[in-house]
């Protein structure tokens, strides 16, 4: 009897600890989202959700611009959404691509390409995107392919869109894409998941 009681207490304490941890993570994500909103122009993140829904798929990355290691402004998140939000996002952009499209250029945290051996002509159409490393880890744990998402481009331009002292120069990029901005989102309709990103390099 005592053993059963102790086991119940242990289970309750463990569940309570998980609850506190999820609250802490959720609070941290909300704080990051609020900090981001206070740090950049609203038009740059107007596609980000107004609320962050905590789940096992939740992820939020915000690399703050700095001059010690100029990695630009890089932020992305993954969160659950409902059917109405899916309808809204599917109508937000007409430029839909796959992550495995050969025009996609992934720029990693150290500002190098995941596919540095590929050469791009300056006139070639490309889609520079962040690598979404933390999101990929969550997807792998849950047996979800990143190619199961439809990616939508909202803004993609070359040029300077931030203080150059904070921006990297990605040497492997085509000459006309040394600096630029990439903004968009991705949807997995089956899993009701949304990815949003903003990257200025």
Protein backbone atom coordinates (compact mmCIF):
# COMPACT_ATOMS: atom_id res chain seq x y z
CA UNK A 1 0.00 0.00 0.00
CA UNK A 2 2.79 2.41 0.90
CA UNK A 3 4.60 1.51 -2.31
CA UNK A 4 1.52 2.33 -4.41
CA UNK A 5 1.07 5.61 -2.55
CA UNK A 6 4.73 6.53 -3.11
CA UNK A 7 4.45 5.68 -6.79
CA UNK A 8 1.38 7.90 -7.13
CA UNK A 9 3.17 10.75 -5.40
CA UNK A 10 6.17 10.28 -7.69
CA UNK A 11 3.94 10.31 -10.79
CA UNK A 12 2.14 13.45 -9.63
CA UNK A 13 5.45 15.20 -8.88
CA UNK A 14 6.88 14.18 -12.24
CA UNK A 15 3.78 15.44 -14.07
CA UNK A 16 3.90 18.69 -12.10
CA UNK A 17 7.59 19.14 -13.00
CA UNK A 18 6.78 18.61 -16.67
CA UNK A 19 3.97 21.14 -16.38
CA UNK A 20 6.28 23.73 -14.81
CA UNK A 21 8.91 23.07 -17.47
CA UNK A 22 6.40 23.53 -20.29
CA UNK A 23 5.19 26.76 -18.68
CA UNK A 24 8.78 27.96 -18.46
CA UNK A 25 9.46 27.14 -22.12
CA UNK A 26 6.18 28.71 -23.19
CA UNK A 27 7.00 31.86 -21.23
CA UNK A 28 10.47 31.99 -22.80
CA UNK A 29 9.00 31.69 -26.30
CA UNK A 30 6.48 34.42 -25.58
CA UNK A 31 9.26 36.67 -24.26
CA UNK A 32 11.34 36.04 -27.41
CA UNK A 33 8.36 36.84 -29.61
CA UNK A 34 7.71 40.08 -27.71
CA UNK A 35 11.40 41.03 -27.84
CA UNK A 36 11.43 40.40 -31.59
CA UNK A 37 8.33 42.55 -32.09
CA UNK A 38 9.98 45.38 -30.16
CA UNK A 39 13.26 45.09 -32.07
CA UNK A 40 12.29 45.06 -35.75
CA UNK A 41 9.87 46.85 -38.00
CA UNK A 42 6.36 45.36 -37.84
CA UNK A 43 6.28 44.85 -41.61
CA UNK A 44 9.19 42.38 -41.37
CA UNK A 45 7.35 39.97 -39.07
CA UNK A 46 3.70 40.69 -39.89
CA UNK A 47 3.40 37.05 -41.02
CA UNK A 48 4.42 35.71 -37.58
CA UNK A 49 1.53 34.40 -35.44
CA UNK A 50 0.25 36.71 -32.72
CA UNK A 51 0.35 33.85 -30.19
CA UNK A 52 2.79 31.01 -29.73
CA UNK A 53 1.04 27.67 -29.09
CA UNK A 54 3.17 25.37 -26.98
CA UNK A 55 3.42 21.72 -28.05
CA UNK A 56 6.03 19.01 -28.61
CA UNK A 57 6.68 20.64 -31.98
CA UNK A 58 7.39 24.11 -30.58
CA UNK A 59 10.61 25.84 -31.56
CA UNK A 60 11.73 29.46 -31.56
CA UNK A 61 15.13 30.77 -32.65
CA UNK A 62 16.10 34.44 -32.50
CA UNK A 63 19.74 35.21 -33.24
CA UNK A 64 20.12 38.80 -32.15
CA UNK A 65 22.28 40.98 -34.40
CA UNK A 66 25.74 41.65 -32.97
CA UNK A 67 29.07 43.02 -34.17
CA UNK A 68 31.32 40.45 -32.46
CA UNK A 69 30.02 37.81 -34.82
CA UNK A 70 28.01 39.54 -37.55
CA UNK A 71 25.45 36.89 -38.42
CA UNK A 72 22.72 39.26 -39.51
CA UNK A 73 19.18 39.02 -38.22
CA UNK A 74 17.93 35.44 -38.20
CA UNK A 75 14.70 34.29 -36.59
CA UNK A 76 12.29 31.44 -37.18
CA UNK A 77 9.67 29.50 -35.27
CA UNK A 78 7.46 26.44 -35.53
CA UNK A 79 4.09 26.21 -33.83
CA UNK A 80 0.72 24.48 -34.07
CA UNK A 81 -2.09 26.24 -35.93
CA UNK A 82 -5.79 25.60 -36.49
CA UNK A 83 -7.78 25.13 -39.72
CA UNK A 84 -8.76 28.78 -40.02
CA UNK A 85 -5.12 29.82 -39.74
CA UNK A 86 -4.17 27.31 -42.44
CA UNK A 87 -6.77 28.84 -44.77
CA UNK A 88 -5.41 32.31 -44.00
CA UNK A 89 -1.78 31.37 -44.66
CA UNK A 90 -2.52 29.41 -47.83
CA UNK A 91 -3.97 32.59 -49.35
CA UNK A 92 -1.20 34.90 -48.15
CA UNK A 93 1.37 34.15 -50.89
CA UNK A 94 1.29 32.79 -54.43
CA UNK A 95 4.97 31.78 -54.50
CA UNK A 96 5.04 28.16 -53.31
CA UNK A 97 8.20 26.04 -53.36
CA UNK A 98 9.56 22.78 -51.95
CA UNK A 99 12.48 22.80 -49.52
CA UNK A 100 14.27 20.31 -51.80
CA UNK A 101 13.89 22.58 -54.83
CA UNK A 102 17.27 22.92 -56.55
CA UNK A 103 16.85 26.69 -56.42
CA UNK A 104 16.85 26.66 -52.61
CA UNK A 105 20.10 27.82 -50.98
CA UNK A 106 20.40 26.95 -47.29
CA UNK A 107 22.58 29.34 -45.29
CA UNK A 108 23.74 27.79 -42.02
CA UNK A 109 24.50 29.46 -38.67
CA UNK A 110 28.11 30.08 -39.70
CA UNK A 111 27.00 31.78 -42.90
CA UNK A 112 28.11 29.06 -45.27
CA UNK A 113 26.04 27.11 -47.72
CA UNK A 114 24.97 23.55 -46.99
CA UNK A 115 25.72 22.86 -50.64
CA UNK A 116 28.93 24.89 -51.26
CA UNK A 117 29.95 22.84 -54.29
CA UNK A 118 26.97 24.08 -56.28
CA UNK A 119 27.77 27.09 -58.43
CA UNK A 120 25.11 29.67 -59.16
CA UNK A 121 25.10 32.19 -61.96
CA UNK A 122 24.36 35.80 -60.95
CA UNK A 123 21.30 35.78 -63.20
CA UNK A 124 19.96 32.50 -61.82
CA UNK A 125 16.77 32.51 -59.74
CA UNK A 126 17.51 31.33 -56.19
CA UNK A 127 15.65 31.03 -52.89
CA UNK A 128 18.03 31.72 -49.94
CA UNK A 129 16.63 30.23 -46.71
CA UNK A 130 17.98 29.57 -43.21
CA UNK A 131 18.74 25.92 -42.44
CA UNK A 132 16.09 25.58 -39.68
CA UNK A 133 18.43 23.28 -37.71
CA UNK A 134 16.45 23.21 -34.44
CA UNK A 135 13.20 22.63 -36.35
CA UNK A 136 14.76 19.78 -38.33
CA UNK A 137 15.80 18.09 -35.07
CA UNK A 138 12.20 18.20 -33.80
CA UNK A 139 10.86 16.91 -37.12
CA UNK A 140 13.32 13.99 -37.11
CA UNK A 141 12.29 13.04 -33.56
CA UNK A 142 8.67 12.95 -34.71
CA UNK A 143 9.29 11.20 -38.06
CA UNK A 144 8.24 14.21 -40.12
CA UNK A 145 10.03 15.18 -43.33
CA UNK A 146 10.70 18.86 -43.92
CA UNK A 147 9.63 18.23 -47.52
CA UNK A 148 6.13 17.53 -46.18
CA UNK A 149 5.82 21.32 -45.74
CA UNK A 150 4.76 23.69 -48.49
CA UNK A 151 7.08 26.70 -48.38
CA UNK A 152 5.77 30.14 -49.34
CA UNK A 153 7.95 33.14 -50.16
CA UNK A 154 6.66 36.55 -49.06
CA UNK A 155 9.75 38.66 -49.71
CA UNK A 156 13.06 37.81 -51.32
CA UNK A 157 15.42 40.61 -52.35
CA UNK A 158 19.14 41.12 -52.71
CA UNK A 159 20.78 44.22 -51.24
CA UNK A 160 21.43 45.85 -47.88
CA UNK A 161 18.45 45.89 -45.51
CA UNK A 162 20.28 46.32 -42.20
CA UNK A 163 23.38 48.00 -40.78
CA UNK A 164 26.29 46.41 -42.70
CA UNK A 165 28.35 46.12 -39.47
CA UNK A 166 25.90 43.42 -38.32
CA UNK A 167 25.75 41.52 -41.60
CA UNK A 168 27.84 38.59 -42.80
CA UNK A 169 29.02 38.20 -46.37
CA UNK A 170 28.26 34.70 -47.57
CA UNK A 171 31.19 34.06 -49.89
CA UNK A 172 29.68 31.05 -51.70
CA UNK A 173 26.55 32.99 -52.70
CA UNK A 174 26.09 34.37 -56.21
CA UNK A 175 27.73 37.80 -56.51
CA UNK A 176 24.39 39.61 -56.53
CA UNK A 177 23.21 37.78 -53.37
CA UNK A 178 26.04 38.62 -50.95
CA UNK A 179 23.45 40.46 -48.87
CA UNK A 180 19.69 40.26 -48.88
CA UNK A 181 16.42 39.52 -47.12
CA UNK A 182 14.33 36.34 -47.04
CA UNK A 183 10.90 36.28 -45.47
CA UNK A 184 8.20 33.62 -45.59
CA UNK A 185 6.44 30.68 -43.99
CA UNK A 186 5.75 26.97 -44.47
CA UNK A 187 2.70 24.82 -43.75
CA UNK A 188 2.23 21.14 -42.99
CA UNK A 189 -1.50 20.77 -43.33
CA UNK A 190 -1.65 17.16 -42.08
CA UNK A 191 0.15 17.94 -38.82
CA UNK A 192 -1.32 21.47 -38.55
CA UNK A 193 2.16 23.00 -38.26
CA UNK A 194 3.42 26.42 -39.24
CA UNK A 195 7.02 27.60 -39.76
CA UNK A 196 7.73 31.32 -40.10
CA UNK A 197 11.09 32.90 -40.82
CA UNK A 198 12.88 36.19 -41.35
CA UNK A 199 16.52 36.29 -42.37
CA UNK A 200 18.59 39.35 -43.23
CA UNK A 201 22.23 38.69 -44.15
